């Protein structure tokens, strides 16, 4: 993937940037370090919010990391619905017939 990205022309890189696909662009080491700093600051902000939120209150979801070249966006976890929770409970209680 890196070799393919490095063979792109500046025009092709600009087109991909316009489409909002940073994982297909080229990043320097400095850009990688800046992204790591950005993620660390957002994570610290999230921790600070969680620490200062009452225990019974809903806490915010952790921040998504900045997308890096060669890595697509993270997939969202499937949420357990009431129906699937009940079905899972039945299966665990021996109801798999």
PDB file of N, CA and C in Angstrom:
ATOM      1  N   UNK A   1       0.830  -1.195   0.000  1.00  0.00           N
ATOM      2  CA  UNK A   1       0.000   0.000   0.000  1.00  0.00           C
ATOM      3  C   UNK A   1       0.873   1.257   0.000  1.00  0.00           C
ATOM      4  N   UNK A   2       1.942   1.240   0.773  1.00  0.00           N
ATOM      5  CA  UNK A   2       2.819   2.413   0.826  1.00  0.00           C
ATOM      6  C   UNK A   2       3.434   2.674  -0.534  1.00  0.00           C
ATOM      7  N   UNK A   3       3.885   1.626  -1.204  1.00  0.00           N
ATOM      8  CA  UNK A   3       4.479   1.796  -2.530  1.00  0.00           C
ATOM      9  C   UNK A   3       3.460   2.362  -3.508  1.00  0.00           C
ATOM     10  N   UNK A   4       2.227   1.888  -3.437  1.00  0.00           N
ATOM     11  CA  UNK A   4       1.180   2.419  -4.315  1.00  0.00           C
ATOM     12  C   UNK A   4       0.918   3.887  -4.028  1.00  0.00           C
ATOM     13  N   UNK A   5       0.846   4.241  -2.726  1.00  0.00           N
ATOM     14  CA  UNK A   5       0.610   5.648  -2.365  1.00  0.00           C
ATOM     15  C   UNK A   5       1.756   6.524  -2.828  1.00  0.00           C
ATOM     16  N   UNK A   6       2.985   6.043  -2.683  1.00  0.00           N
ATOM     17  CA  UNK A   6       4.150   6.845  -3.053  1.00  0.00           C
ATOM     18  C   UNK A   6       4.261   7.053  -4.558  1.00  0.00           C
ATOM     19  N   UNK A   7       3.613   6.190  -5.352  1.00  0.00           N
ATOM     20  CA  UNK A   7       3.645   6.340  -6.804  1.00  0.00           C
ATOM     21  C   UNK A   7       2.580   7.305  -7.318  1.00  0.00           C
ATOM     22  N   UNK A   8       1.691   7.755  -6.453  1.00  0.00           N
ATOM     23  CA  UNK A   8       0.635   8.676  -6.892  1.00  0.00           C
ATOM     24  C   UNK A   8       1.215  10.046  -7.212  1.00  0.00           C
ATOM     25  N   UNK A   9       0.594  10.684  -8.183  1.00  0.00           N
ATOM     26  CA  UNK A   9       0.997  12.051  -8.525  1.00  0.00           C
ATOM     27  C   UNK A   9       0.391  13.014  -7.507  1.00  0.00           C
ATOM     28  N   UNK A  10       0.930  14.235  -7.389  1.00  0.00           N
ATOM     29  CA  UNK A  10       0.340  15.216  -6.475  1.00  0.00           C
ATOM     30  C   UNK A  10      -1.140  15.487  -6.779  1.00  0.00           C
ATOM     31  N   UNK A  11      -1.508  15.465  -8.066  1.00  0.00           N
ATOM     32  CA  UNK A  11      -2.906  15.683  -8.432  1.00  0.00           C
ATOM     33  C   UNK A  11      -3.804  14.566  -7.881  1.00  0.00           C
ATOM     34  N   UNK A  12      -3.341  13.310  -7.999  1.00  0.00           N
ATOM     35  CA  UNK A  12      -4.108  12.180  -7.479  1.00  0.00           C
ATOM     36  C   UNK A  12      -4.224  12.255  -5.956  1.00  0.00           C
ATOM     37  N   UNK A  13      -3.153  12.670  -5.298  1.00  0.00           N
ATOM     38  CA  UNK A  13      -3.200  12.821  -3.836  1.00  0.00           C
ATOM     39  C   UNK A  13      -4.207  13.896  -3.440  1.00  0.00           C
ATOM     40  N   UNK A  14      -4.225  15.015  -4.186  1.00  0.00           N
ATOM     41  CA  UNK A  14      -5.185  16.087  -3.905  1.00  0.00           C
ATOM     42  C   UNK A  14      -6.618  15.610  -4.097  1.00  0.00           C
ATOM     43  N   UNK A  15      -6.853  14.810  -5.142  1.00  0.00           N
ATOM     44  CA  UNK A  15      -8.201  14.284  -5.387  1.00  0.00           C
ATOM     45  C   UNK A  15      -8.652  13.397  -4.234  1.00  0.00           C
ATOM     46  N   UNK A  16      -7.753  12.565  -3.740  1.00  0.00           N
ATOM     47  CA  UNK A  16      -8.110  11.692  -2.621  1.00  0.00           C
ATOM     48  C   UNK A  16      -8.355  12.502  -1.355  1.00  0.00           C
ATOM     49  N   UNK A  17      -7.586  13.556  -1.163  1.00  0.00           N
ATOM     50  CA  UNK A  17      -7.790  14.414   0.006  1.00  0.00           C
ATOM     51  C   UNK A  17      -9.144  15.100  -0.081  1.00  0.00           C
ATOM     52  N   UNK A  18      -9.542  15.499  -1.292  1.00  0.00           N
ATOM     53  CA  UNK A  18     -10.844  16.147  -1.472  1.00  0.00           C
ATOM     54  C   UNK A  18     -11.992  15.190  -1.183  1.00  0.00           C
ATOM     55  N   UNK A  19     -11.776  13.901  -1.417  1.00  0.00           N
ATOM     56  CA  UNK A  19     -12.824  12.908  -1.155  1.00  0.00           C
ATOM     57  C   UNK A  19     -12.868  12.513   0.314  1.00  0.00           C
ATOM     58  N   UNK A  20     -11.973  13.070   1.130  1.00  0.00           N
ATOM     59  CA  UNK A  20     -11.984  12.769   2.568  1.00  0.00           C
ATOM     60  C   UNK A  20     -11.466  11.393   2.899  1.00  0.00           C
ATOM     61  N   UNK A  21     -10.416  10.948   2.197  1.00  0.00           N
ATOM     62  CA  UNK A  21      -9.841   9.640   2.453  1.00  0.00           C
ATOM     63  C   UNK A  21      -8.363   9.780   2.837  1.00  0.00           C
ATOM     64  N   UNK A  22      -8.094  10.243   4.062  1.00  0.00           N
ATOM     65  CA  UNK A  22      -6.693  10.461   4.444  1.00  0.00           C
ATOM     66  C   UNK A  22      -5.871   9.185   4.466  1.00  0.00           C
ATOM     67  N   UNK A  23      -6.529   8.031   4.613  1.00  0.00           N
ATOM     68  CA  UNK A  23      -5.772   6.781   4.671  1.00  0.00           C
ATOM     69  C   UNK A  23      -5.146   6.431   3.321  1.00  0.00           C
ATOM     70  N   UNK A  24      -5.534   7.131   2.250  1.00  0.00           N
ATOM     71  CA  UNK A  24      -4.951   6.868   0.936  1.00  0.00           C
ATOM     72  C   UNK A  24      -3.887   7.889   0.561  1.00  0.00           C
ATOM     73  N   UNK A  25      -3.582   8.813   1.443  1.00  0.00           N
ATOM     74  CA  UNK A  25      -2.583   9.837   1.151  1.00  0.00           C
ATOM     75  C   UNK A  25      -1.226   9.473   1.739  1.00  0.00           C
ATOM     76  N   UNK A  26      -0.246  10.345   1.539  1.00  0.00           N
ATOM     77  CA  UNK A  26       1.102  10.147   2.090  1.00  0.00           C
ATOM     78  C   UNK A  26       1.254  11.024   3.319  1.00  0.00           C
ATOM     79  N   UNK A  27       1.832  10.481   4.374  1.00  0.00           N
ATOM     80  CA  UNK A  27       2.093  11.257   5.581  1.00  0.00           C
ATOM     81  C   UNK A  27       3.570  11.179   5.903  1.00  0.00           C
ATOM     82  N   UNK A  28       4.115  12.298   6.304  1.00  0.00           N
ATOM     83  CA  UNK A  28       5.513  12.314   6.757  1.00  0.00           C
ATOM     84  C   UNK A  28       5.562  11.844   8.210  1.00  0.00           C
ATOM     85  N   UNK A  29       6.776  11.675   8.720  1.00  0.00           N
ATOM     86  CA  UNK A  29       6.936  11.281  10.115  1.00  0.00           C
ATOM     87  C   UNK A  29       6.377  12.364  11.034  1.00  0.00           C
ATOM     88  N   UNK A  30       6.559  13.627  10.647  1.00  0.00           N
ATOM     89  CA  UNK A  30       6.032  14.727  11.448  1.00  0.00           C
ATOM     90  C   UNK A  30       4.503  14.668  11.515  1.00  0.00           C
ATOM     91  N   UNK A  31       3.871  14.382  10.396  1.00  0.00           N
ATOM     92  CA  UNK A  31       2.409  14.281  10.395  1.00  0.00           C
ATOM     93  C   UNK A  31       1.937  13.104  11.252  1.00  0.00           C
ATOM     94  N   UNK A  32       2.676  12.003  11.216  1.00  0.00           N
ATOM     95  CA  UNK A  32       2.334  10.858  12.063  1.00  0.00           C
ATOM     96  C   UNK A  32       2.442  11.235  13.546  1.00  0.00           C
ATOM     97  N   UNK A  33       3.513  11.950  13.907  1.00  0.00           N
ATOM     98  CA  UNK A  33       3.694  12.374  15.304  1.00  0.00           C
ATOM     99  C   UNK A  33       2.610  13.359  15.726  1.00  0.00           C
ATOM    100  N   UNK A  34       2.234  14.263  14.843  1.00  0.00           N
ATOM    101  CA  UNK A  34       1.174  15.225  15.154  1.00  0.00           C
ATOM    102  C   UNK A  34      -0.155  14.503  15.365  1.00  0.00           C
ATOM    103  N   UNK A  35      -0.425  13.506  14.557  1.00  0.00           N
ATOM    104  CA  UNK A  35      -1.654  12.726  14.719  1.00  0.00           C
ATOM    105  C   UNK A  35      -1.645  11.987  16.056  1.00  0.00           C
ATOM    106  N   UNK A  36      -0.484  11.451  16.440  1.00  0.00           N
ATOM    107  CA  UNK A  36      -0.375  10.773  17.732  1.00  0.00           C
ATOM    108  C   UNK A  36      -0.622  11.760  18.875  1.00  0.00           C
ATOM    109  N   UNK A  37      -0.080  12.978  18.763  1.00  0.00           N
ATOM    110  CA  UNK A  37      -0.324  14.011  19.785  1.00  0.00           C
ATOM    111  C   UNK A  37      -1.800  14.380  19.840  1.00  0.00           C
ATOM    112  N   UNK A  38      -2.399  14.545  18.689  1.00  0.00           N
ATOM    113  CA  UNK A  38      -3.824  14.880  18.604  1.00  0.00           C
ATOM    114  C   UNK A  38      -4.663  13.815  19.316  1.00  0.00           C
ATOM    115  N   UNK A  39      -4.357  12.537  19.033  1.00  0.00           N
ATOM    116  CA  UNK A  39      -5.098  11.444  19.669  1.00  0.00           C
ATOM    117  C   UNK A  39      -4.887  11.439  21.178  1.00  0.00           C
ATOM    118  N   UNK A  40      -3.643  11.693  21.625  1.00  0.00           N
ATOM    119  CA  UNK A  40      -3.351  11.689  23.061  1.00  0.00           C
ATOM    120  C   UNK A  40      -4.097  12.816  23.773  1.00  0.00           C
ATOM    121  N   UNK A  41      -4.131  13.983  23.169  1.00  0.00           N
ATOM    122  CA  UNK A  41      -4.841  15.118  23.783  1.00  0.00           C
ATOM    123  C   UNK A  41      -6.335  14.838  23.861  1.00  0.00           C
ATOM    124  N   UNK A  42      -6.897  14.299  22.790  1.00  0.00           N
ATOM    125  CA  UNK A  42      -8.338  13.978  22.811  1.00  0.00           C
ATOM    126  C   UNK A  42      -8.643  12.908  23.860  1.00  0.00           C
ATOM    127  N   UNK A  43      -7.738  11.936  24.000  1.00  0.00           N
ATOM    128  CA  UNK A  43      -7.939  10.882  24.998  1.00  0.00           C
ATOM    129  C   UNK A  43      -7.865  11.457  26.413  1.00  0.00           C
ATOM    130  N   UNK A  44      -6.905  12.348  26.658  1.00  0.00           N
ATOM    131  CA  UNK A  44      -6.801  12.993  27.975  1.00  0.00           C
ATOM    132  C   UNK A  44      -8.044  13.829  28.284  1.00  0.00           C
ATOM    133  N   UNK A  45      -8.543  14.524  27.280  1.00  0.00           N
ATOM    134  CA  UNK A  45      -9.767  15.312  27.468  1.00  0.00           C
ATOM    135  C   UNK A  45     -10.930  14.393  27.829  1.00  0.00           C
ATOM    136  N   UNK A  46     -11.021  13.247  27.154  1.00  0.00           N
ATOM    137  CA  UNK A  46     -12.086  12.291  27.423  1.00  0.00           C
ATOM    138  C   UNK A  46     -11.970  11.744  28.855  1.00  0.00           C
ATOM    139  N   UNK A  47     -10.737  11.403  29.273  1.00  0.00           N
ATOM    140  CA  UNK A  47     -10.517  10.895  30.629  1.00  0.00           C
ATOM    141  C   UNK A  47     -10.918  11.957  31.657  1.00  0.00           C
ATOM    142  N   UNK A  48     -10.548  13.204  31.410  1.00  0.00           N
ATOM    143  CA  UNK A  48     -10.896  14.289  32.322  1.00  0.00           C
ATOM    144  C   UNK A  48     -12.412  14.438  32.453  1.00  0.00           C
ATOM    145  N   UNK A  49     -13.107  14.333  31.339  1.00  0.00           N
ATOM    146  CA  UNK A  49     -14.577  14.418  31.375  1.00  0.00           C
ATOM    147  C   UNK A  49     -15.146  13.245  32.161  1.00  0.00           C
ATOM    148  N   UNK A  50     -14.629  12.033  31.923  1.00  0.00           N
ATOM    149  CA  UNK A  50     -15.138  10.843  32.623  1.00  0.00           C
ATOM    150  C   UNK A  50     -14.893  10.922  34.125  1.00  0.00           C
ATOM    151  N   UNK A  51     -13.734  11.418  34.528  1.00  0.00           N
ATOM    152  CA  UNK A  51     -13.392  11.527  35.946  1.00  0.00           C
ATOM    153  C   UNK A  51     -14.318  12.520  36.650  1.00  0.00           C
ATOM    154  N   UNK A  52     -14.721  13.559  35.951  1.00  0.00           N
ATOM    155  CA  UNK A  52     -15.552  14.598  36.551  1.00  0.00           C
ATOM    156  C   UNK A  52     -17.037  14.424  36.278  1.00  0.00           C
ATOM    157  N   UNK A  53     -17.429  13.260  35.792  1.00  0.00           N
ATOM    158  CA  UNK A  53     -18.838  12.951  35.550  1.00  0.00           C
ATOM    159  C   UNK A  53     -19.327  12.081  36.703  1.00  0.00           C
ATOM    160  N   UNK A  54     -20.529  12.349  37.157  1.00  0.00           N
ATOM    161  CA  UNK A  54     -21.079  11.533  38.242  1.00  0.00           C
ATOM    162  C   UNK A  54     -21.167  10.082  37.810  1.00  0.00           C
ATOM    163  N   UNK A  55     -21.012   9.178  38.775  1.00  0.00           N
ATOM    164  CA  UNK A  55     -20.957   7.748  38.459  1.00  0.00           C
ATOM    165  C   UNK A  55     -22.224   7.249  37.781  1.00  0.00           C
ATOM    166  N   UNK A  56     -23.374   7.793  38.140  1.00  0.00           N
ATOM    167  CA  UNK A  56     -24.632   7.311  37.582  1.00  0.00           C
ATOM    168  C   UNK A  56     -24.956   7.952  36.237  1.00  0.00           C
ATOM    169  N   UNK A  57     -24.230   8.980  35.858  1.00  0.00           N
ATOM    170  CA  UNK A  57     -24.478   9.658  34.587  1.00  0.00           C
ATOM    171  C   UNK A  57     -23.877   8.859  33.435  1.00  0.00           C
ATOM    172  N   UNK A  58     -24.451   9.070  32.240  1.00  0.00           N
ATOM    173  CA  UNK A  58     -23.907   8.422  31.049  1.00  0.00           C
ATOM    174  C   UNK A  58     -22.615   9.121  30.657  1.00  0.00           C
ATOM    175  N   UNK A  59     -21.583   8.345  30.467  1.00  0.00           N
ATOM    176  CA  UNK A  59     -20.288   8.899  30.071  1.00  0.00           C
ATOM    177  C   UNK A  59     -20.184   8.922  28.550  1.00  0.00           C
ATOM    178  N   UNK A  60     -19.427   9.860  28.022  1.00  0.00           N
ATOM    179  CA  UNK A  60     -19.278   9.918  26.562  1.00  0.00           C
ATOM    180  C   UNK A  60     -18.463   8.737  26.041  1.00  0.00           C
ATOM    181  N   UNK A  61     -18.652   8.427  24.769  1.00  0.00           N
ATOM    182  CA  UNK A  61     -17.863   7.383  24.126  1.00  0.00           C
ATOM    183  C   UNK A  61     -16.427   7.865  23.979  1.00  0.00           C
ATOM    184  N   UNK A  62     -15.467   6.945  24.003  1.00  0.00           N
ATOM    185  CA  UNK A  62     -14.073   7.368  23.805  1.00  0.00           C
ATOM    186  C   UNK A  62     -13.899   7.956  22.400  1.00  0.00           C
ATOM    187  N   UNK A  63     -12.970   8.880  22.237  1.00  0.00           N
ATOM    188  CA  UNK A  63     -12.786   9.511  20.932  1.00  0.00           C
ATOM    189  C   UNK A  63     -12.191   8.544  19.911  1.00  0.00           C
ATOM    190  N   UNK A  64     -12.583   8.736  18.667  1.00  0.00           N
ATOM    191  CA  UNK A  64     -12.012   7.949  17.575  1.00  0.00           C
ATOM    192  C   UNK A  64     -10.625   8.496  17.253  1.00  0.00           C
ATOM    193  N   UNK A  65      -9.652   7.630  17.018  1.00  0.00           N
ATOM    194  CA  UNK A  65      -8.330   8.136  16.633  1.00  0.00           C
ATOM    195  C   UNK A  65      -8.371   8.734  15.228  1.00  0.00           C
ATOM    196  N   UNK A  66      -7.459   9.654  14.964  1.00  0.00           N
ATOM    197  CA  UNK A  66      -7.360  10.254  13.640  1.00  0.00           C
ATOM    198  C   UNK A  66      -6.995   9.155  12.646  1.00  0.00           C
ATOM    199  N   UNK A  67      -7.646   9.171  11.498  1.00  0.00           N
ATOM    200  CA  UNK A  67      -7.372   8.153  10.498  1.00  0.00           C
ATOM    201  C   UNK A  67      -5.972   8.332   9.925  1.00  0.00           C
ATOM    202  N   UNK A  68      -5.249   7.214   9.817  1.00  0.00           N
ATOM    203  CA  UNK A  68      -3.873   7.213   9.327  1.00  0.00           C
ATOM    204  C   UNK A  68      -3.827   6.601   7.929  1.00  0.00           C
ATOM    205  N   UNK A  69      -2.776   6.896   7.173  1.00  0.00           N
ATOM    206  CA  UNK A  69      -2.615   6.246   5.869  1.00  0.00           C
ATOM    207  C   UNK A  69      -2.554   4.736   6.016  1.00  0.00           C
ATOM    208  N   UNK A  70      -3.277   4.056   5.158  1.00  0.00           N
ATOM    209  CA  UNK A  70      -3.273   2.595   5.167  1.00  0.00           C
ATOM    210  C   UNK A  70      -4.258   1.976   6.141  1.00  0.00           C
ATOM    211  N   UNK A  71      -4.968   2.792   6.904  1.00  0.00           N
ATOM    212  CA  UNK A  71      -5.932   2.268   7.881  1.00  0.00           C
ATOM    213  C   UNK A  71      -7.284   2.931   7.649  1.00  0.00           C
ATOM    214  N   UNK A  72      -8.297   2.134   7.395  1.00  0.00           N
ATOM    215  CA  UNK A  72      -9.639   2.670   7.198  1.00  0.00           C
ATOM    216  C   UNK A  72     -10.278   3.045   8.517  1.00  0.00           C
ATOM    217  N   UNK A  73     -11.468   3.626   8.466  1.00  0.00           N
ATOM    218  CA  UNK A  73     -12.142   3.980   9.711  1.00  0.00           C
ATOM    219  C   UNK A  73     -12.509   2.735  10.508  1.00  0.00           C
ATOM    220  N   UNK A  74     -12.554   2.885  11.812  1.00  0.00           N
ATOM    221  CA  UNK A  74     -12.919   1.757  12.671  1.00  0.00           C
ATOM    222  C   UNK A  74     -14.385   1.425  12.498  1.00  0.00           C
ATOM    223  N   UNK A  75     -14.674   0.130  12.587  1.00  0.00           N
ATOM    224  CA  UNK A  75     -16.063  -0.312  12.495  1.00  0.00           C
ATOM    225  C   UNK A  75     -16.722  -0.152  13.860  1.00  0.00           C
ATOM    226  N   UNK A  76     -17.964   0.269  13.832  1.00  0.00           N
ATOM    227  CA  UNK A  76     -18.718   0.424  15.078  1.00  0.00           C
ATOM    228  C   UNK A  76     -19.108  -0.957  15.601  1.00  0.00           C
ATOM    229  N   UNK A  77     -19.071  -1.097  16.904  1.00  0.00           N
ATOM    230  CA  UNK A  77     -19.515  -2.351  17.515  1.00  0.00           C
ATOM    231  C   UNK A  77     -21.026  -2.447  17.433  1.00  0.00           C
ATOM    232  N   UNK A  78     -21.496  -3.656  17.224  1.00  0.00           N
ATOM    233  CA  UNK A  78     -22.935  -3.880  17.200  1.00  0.00           C
ATOM    234  C   UNK A  78     -23.484  -3.710  18.623  1.00  0.00           C
ATOM    235  N   UNK A  79     -24.599  -3.023  18.737  1.00  0.00           N
ATOM    236  CA  UNK A  79     -25.230  -2.817  20.035  1.00  0.00           C
ATOM    237  C   UNK A  79     -26.171  -3.977  20.342  1.00  0.00           C
ATOM    238  N   UNK A  80     -26.173  -4.402  21.577  1.00  0.00           N
ATOM    239  CA  UNK A  80     -27.039  -5.485  22.014  1.00  0.00           C
ATOM    240  C   UNK A  80     -28.435  -4.925  22.260  1.00  0.00           C
ATOM    241  N   UNK A  81     -29.401  -5.399  21.484  1.00  0.00           N
ATOM    242  CA  UNK A  81     -30.779  -4.935  21.638  1.00  0.00           C
ATOM    243  C   UNK A  81     -31.486  -5.761  22.708  1.00  0.00           C
ATOM    244  N   UNK A  82     -32.639  -5.299  23.102  1.00  0.00           N
ATOM    245  CA  UNK A  82     -33.429  -6.018  24.119  1.00  0.00           C
ATOM    246  C   UNK A  82     -33.793  -7.418  23.633  1.00  0.00           C
ATOM    247  N   UNK A  83     -34.207  -7.514  22.368  1.00  0.00           N
ATOM    248  CA  UNK A  83     -34.584  -8.822  21.808  1.00  0.00           C
ATOM    249  C   UNK A  83     -33.411  -9.778  21.755  1.00  0.00           C
ATOM    250  N   UNK A  84     -32.246  -9.295  21.294  1.00  0.00           N
ATOM    251  CA  UNK A  84     -31.097 -10.187  21.239  1.00  0.00           C
ATOM    252  C   UNK A  84     -30.591 -10.536  22.623  1.00  0.00           C
ATOM    253  N   UNK A  85     -30.726  -9.627  23.585  1.00  0.00           N
ATOM    254  CA  UNK A  85     -30.321  -9.931  24.955  1.00  0.00           C
ATOM    255  C   UNK A  85     -31.205 -11.046  25.520  1.00  0.00           C
ATOM    256  N   UNK A  86     -32.513 -10.959  25.256  1.00  0.00           N
ATOM    257  CA  UNK A  86     -33.426 -12.008  25.729  1.00  0.00           C
ATOM    258  C   UNK A  86     -33.113 -13.346  25.064  1.00  0.00           C
ATOM    259  N   UNK A  87     -32.833 -13.323  23.755  1.00  0.00           N
ATOM    260  CA  UNK A  87     -32.502 -14.556  23.035  1.00  0.00           C
ATOM    261  C   UNK A  87     -31.212 -15.162  23.588  1.00  0.00           C
ATOM    262  N   UNK A  88     -30.219 -14.336  23.841  1.00  0.00           N
ATOM    263  CA  UNK A  88     -28.962 -14.801  24.417  1.00  0.00           C
ATOM    264  C   UNK A  88     -29.194 -15.419  25.796  1.00  0.00           C
ATOM    265  N   UNK A  89     -30.017 -14.767  26.605  1.00  0.00           N
ATOM    266  CA  UNK A  89     -30.343 -15.294  27.922  1.00  0.00           C
ATOM    267  C   UNK A  89     -31.016 -16.666  27.804  1.00  0.00           C
ATOM    268  N   UNK A  90     -31.948 -16.801  26.862  1.00  0.00           N
ATOM    269  CA  UNK A  90     -32.616 -18.101  26.644  1.00  0.00           C
ATOM    270  C   UNK A  90     -31.611 -19.171  26.238  1.00  0.00           C
ATOM    271  N   UNK A  91     -30.686 -18.821  25.349  1.00  0.00           N
ATOM    272  CA  UNK A  91     -29.687 -19.783  24.907  1.00  0.00           C
ATOM    273  C   UNK A  91     -28.794 -20.231  26.045  1.00  0.00           C
ATOM    274  N   UNK A  92     -28.416 -19.276  26.896  1.00  0.00           N
ATOM    275  CA  UNK A  92     -27.566 -19.589  28.039  1.00  0.00           C
ATOM    276  C   UNK A  92     -28.286 -20.439  29.081  1.00  0.00           C
ATOM    277  N   UNK A  93     -29.606 -20.353  29.108  1.00  0.00           N
ATOM    278  CA  UNK A  93     -30.395 -21.124  30.075  1.00  0.00           C
ATOM    279  C   UNK A  93     -30.798 -22.488  29.521  1.00  0.00           C
ATOM    280  N   UNK A  94     -30.246 -22.878  28.353  1.00  0.00           N
ATOM    281  CA  UNK A  94     -30.527 -24.191  27.811  1.00  0.00           C
ATOM    282  C   UNK A  94     -31.655 -24.188  26.816  1.00  0.00           C
ATOM    283  N   UNK A  95     -32.014 -23.078  26.256  1.00  0.00           N
ATOM    284  CA  UNK A  95     -33.142 -23.004  25.322  1.00  0.00           C
ATOM    285  C   UNK A  95     -32.740 -23.134  23.869  1.00  0.00           C
ATOM    286  N   UNK A  96     -31.592 -23.705  23.565  1.00  0.00           N
ATOM    287  CA  UNK A  96     -31.147 -23.851  22.169  1.00  0.00           C
ATOM    288  C   UNK A  96     -31.663 -25.169  21.620  1.00  0.00           C
ATOM    289  N   UNK A  97     -32.877 -25.174  21.158  1.00  0.00           N
ATOM    290  CA  UNK A  97     -33.466 -26.421  20.614  1.00  0.00           C
ATOM    291  C   UNK A  97     -33.820 -26.270  19.190  1.00  0.00           C
TER     292      UNK A  97
END
